[in-house]
Amino acid sequence: MMIDQGVFKQEWLVLCERWNKQPSVQLTARYYQTLTDNMDTASFQAACRVVFAENEFFPTPSQFMQATRSSEDVHALDQWELCLRIMEGEPQIMDRMNAEGQRAVALLGGPARLGNTPIDSVPFVRRDFLAFYHDVSEGVVRGQLLPEAEITPESRRIVGELMSLPKGAV
């Protein structure tokens, strides 16, 4: 990850003016290094908008990172709203979802399965959708299907023998 230096300088000046700060070159360099290790340019710009609007005091590096997570949460919740429409019987809405939302829906069993979700299960589906969405956004692999086991001649023979036994013998 890397924050474009020009964008950083521009946003940094706005934030410093907002809070009437004149940080040293060393402090500015430390902020840049810490933030660039944890976010890209677009995330930094989104975080700057959040801290500019919401913070009472000059933001710490962790507040920038928290603002980025809040922005990601907004995207996840927007995608959840679309997922709800799929659950209500509008599978074509999946075309309007971003890649992460589509992957989260797939990990939940796809539109057909979501369309059969009982109303009392919606909170659990929401929890799982948001977790999958976050994992997909972060590149975490979870919920992948295991490869099917190879059926060897020996295992085929054993299954055949078990199938030929009378009911209740096993």
Protein backbone atom coordinates (compact mmCIF):
# COMPACT_ATOMS: atom_id res chain seq x y z
CA MET A 1 0.00 0.00 0.00
CA MET A 2 1.09 3.51 -0.59
CA ILE A 3 -0.48 6.94 -0.31
CA ASP A 4 0.35 9.30 -3.16
CA GLN A 5 2.62 11.97 -1.66
CA GLY A 6 0.91 14.83 -3.48
CA VAL A 7 -2.49 13.76 -2.20
CA PHE A 8 -1.09 13.32 1.30
CA LYS A 9 0.39 16.84 1.30
CA GLN A 10 -2.85 18.39 0.05
CA GLU A 11 -5.04 16.58 2.59
CA TRP A 12 -2.50 17.14 5.39
CA LEU A 13 -2.52 20.89 4.79
CA VAL A 14 -6.32 21.01 4.93
CA LEU A 15 -6.37 19.05 8.20
CA CYS A 16 -3.62 21.16 9.74
CA GLU A 17 -5.49 24.33 8.79
CA ARG A 18 -8.75 22.91 10.19
CA TRP A 19 -7.17 22.42 13.61
CA ASN A 20 -4.67 25.30 13.39
CA LYS A 21 -1.69 22.93 13.70
CA GLN A 22 1.87 23.31 12.47
CA PRO A 23 3.41 19.86 12.93
CA SER A 24 7.13 19.37 12.52
CA VAL A 25 8.63 17.69 9.48
CA GLN A 26 9.42 14.65 11.65
CA LEU A 27 5.85 14.33 12.91
CA THR A 28 4.45 14.72 9.40
CA ALA A 29 6.87 12.06 8.11
CA ARG A 30 5.85 9.69 10.92
CA TYR A 31 2.16 10.18 10.12
CA TYR A 32 2.84 9.58 6.43
CA GLN A 33 4.82 6.39 7.09
CA THR A 34 2.30 5.00 9.56
CA LEU A 35 -0.69 5.75 7.35
CA THR A 36 0.92 4.61 4.10
CA ASP A 37 1.73 1.27 5.75
CA ASN A 38 -1.98 0.79 6.45
CA MET A 39 -3.96 2.34 3.59
CA ASP A 40 -3.88 3.36 -0.03
CA THR A 41 -4.59 6.80 -1.50
CA ALA A 42 -8.34 6.32 -1.91
CA SER A 43 -8.72 5.01 1.64
CA PHE A 44 -6.68 7.91 2.98
CA GLN A 45 -8.83 10.45 1.16
CA ALA A 46 -12.01 8.81 2.48
CA ALA A 47 -10.56 8.78 6.01
CA CYS A 48 -9.64 12.47 5.72
CA ARG A 49 -13.22 13.35 4.83
CA VAL A 50 -14.49 11.43 7.85
CA VAL A 51 -12.03 12.84 10.39
CA PHE A 52 -12.47 16.36 8.99
CA ALA A 53 -16.22 16.14 9.52
CA GLU A 54 -16.38 14.14 12.75
CA ASN A 55 -13.28 14.68 14.90
CA GLU A 56 -13.22 17.34 17.57
CA PHE A 57 -9.43 17.24 17.85
CA PHE A 58 -6.58 16.58 15.42
CA PRO A 59 -6.79 12.88 14.46
CA THR A 60 -4.34 10.23 15.58
CA PRO A 61 -3.16 7.62 13.04
CA SER A 62 -5.52 5.06 14.58
CA GLN A 63 -8.45 7.44 14.07
CA PHE A 64 -7.60 7.63 10.35
CA MET A 65 -7.60 3.83 10.20
CA GLN A 66 -10.86 3.61 12.14
CA ALA A 67 -12.43 6.11 9.74
CA THR A 68 -11.38 3.85 6.86
CA ARG A 69 -13.04 0.85 8.50
CA SER A 70 -16.19 2.93 9.02
CA SER A 71 -16.21 3.72 5.30
CA GLU A 72 -15.86 0.01 4.48
CA ASP A 73 -18.72 -0.74 6.87
CA VAL A 74 -20.93 1.72 4.96
CA HIS A 75 -20.18 -0.15 1.72
CA ALA A 76 -20.91 -3.47 3.39
CA LEU A 77 -24.24 -2.20 4.73
CA ASP A 78 -25.17 -0.83 1.29
CA GLN A 79 -24.48 -4.27 -0.14
CA TRP A 80 -26.50 -5.88 2.66
CA GLU A 81 -29.50 -3.78 1.60
CA LEU A 82 -29.18 -5.27 -1.89
CA CYS A 83 -28.84 -8.75 -0.39
CA LEU A 84 -32.12 -8.21 1.46
CA ARG A 85 -33.80 -7.49 -1.86
CA ILE A 86 -32.41 -10.77 -3.20
CA MET A 87 -33.89 -12.51 -0.16
CA GLU A 88 -37.23 -10.85 -0.93
CA GLY A 89 -37.27 -12.49 -4.37
CA GLU A 90 -35.33 -10.12 -6.61
CA PRO A 91 -32.33 -12.23 -7.72
CA GLN A 92 -31.55 -9.82 -10.60
CA ILE A 93 -30.40 -7.27 -7.97
CA MET A 94 -27.19 -9.28 -7.72
CA ASP A 95 -26.12 -7.57 -10.97
CA ARG A 96 -26.06 -4.25 -9.07
CA MET A 97 -23.78 -5.58 -6.33
CA ASN A 98 -20.04 -5.04 -6.27
CA ALA A 99 -17.66 -8.02 -6.54
CA GLU A 100 -17.38 -8.40 -2.75
CA GLY A 101 -21.16 -8.39 -2.32
CA GLN A 102 -21.62 -10.95 -5.09
CA ARG A 103 -18.98 -13.19 -3.52
CA ALA A 104 -20.62 -12.88 -0.08
CA VAL A 105 -23.98 -13.88 -1.61
CA ALA A 106 -22.31 -16.85 -3.31
CA LEU A 107 -20.73 -17.94 -0.03
CA LEU A 108 -24.19 -17.80 1.57
CA GLY A 109 -25.52 -20.23 -1.03
CA GLY A 110 -26.55 -17.89 -3.82
CA PRO A 111 -29.82 -16.11 -4.64
CA ALA A 112 -31.92 -19.28 -4.79
CA ARG A 113 -30.98 -20.32 -1.27
CA LEU A 114 -31.25 -16.79 0.12
CA GLY A 115 -34.73 -16.54 -1.37
CA ASN A 116 -35.82 -19.36 0.97
CA THR A 117 -34.53 -17.73 4.15
CA PRO A 118 -37.04 -17.81 7.02
CA ILE A 119 -37.70 -14.37 8.53
CA ASP A 120 -36.33 -15.38 11.93
CA SER A 121 -32.99 -16.29 10.30
CA VAL A 122 -32.40 -12.87 8.72
CA PRO A 123 -30.26 -11.54 11.63
CA PHE A 124 -27.96 -14.57 11.31
CA VAL A 125 -27.72 -14.18 7.54
CA ARG A 126 -26.90 -10.49 8.06
CA ARG A 127 -24.10 -11.37 10.46
CA ASP A 128 -22.69 -13.94 8.05
CA PHE A 129 -23.05 -11.65 5.02
CA LEU A 130 -21.14 -8.84 6.73
CA ALA A 131 -18.42 -11.23 7.91
CA PHE A 132 -18.04 -12.73 4.42
CA TYR A 133 -18.08 -9.26 2.85
CA HIS A 134 -15.33 -8.10 5.19
CA ASP A 135 -13.28 -11.26 4.59
CA VAL A 136 -13.59 -10.94 0.82
CA SER A 137 -12.63 -7.26 1.03
CA GLU A 138 -9.57 -8.16 3.09
CA GLY A 139 -8.63 -11.10 0.86
CA VAL A 140 -9.34 -13.69 3.56
CA VAL A 141 -10.32 -17.11 2.24
CA ARG A 142 -13.15 -18.60 4.25
CA GLY A 143 -16.14 -20.64 3.26
CA GLN A 144 -14.44 -22.28 0.32
CA LEU A 145 -15.73 -25.69 -0.62
CA LEU A 146 -13.37 -28.56 0.06
CA PRO A 147 -12.31 -30.51 -3.00
CA GLU A 148 -14.25 -33.69 -3.50
CA ALA A 149 -12.50 -36.84 -2.35
CA GLU A 150 -11.23 -39.08 -5.08
CA ILE A 151 -13.32 -42.23 -5.43
CA THR A 152 -10.88 -45.11 -5.71
CA PRO A 153 -11.82 -48.61 -6.86
CA GLU A 154 -11.33 -49.80 -3.27
CA SER A 155 -13.71 -47.19 -1.82
CA ARG A 156 -16.23 -47.99 -4.59
CA ARG A 157 -16.05 -51.70 -3.59
CA ILE A 158 -16.59 -50.90 0.12
CA VAL A 159 -19.58 -48.66 -0.64
CA GLY A 160 -21.02 -51.43 -2.84
CA GLU A 161 -20.69 -53.97 -0.04
CA LEU A 162 -22.34 -51.59 2.45
CA MET A 163 -25.21 -50.91 0.06
CA SER A 164 -25.89 -54.64 -0.37
CA LEU A 165 -26.28 -55.26 3.39
CA PRO A 166 -29.83 -55.58 4.72
CA LYS A 167 -31.30 -52.43 6.34
CA GLY A 168 -30.37 -52.09 9.99
CA ALA A 169 -27.27 -54.31 9.67
CA VAL A 170 -24.88 -51.37 9.80
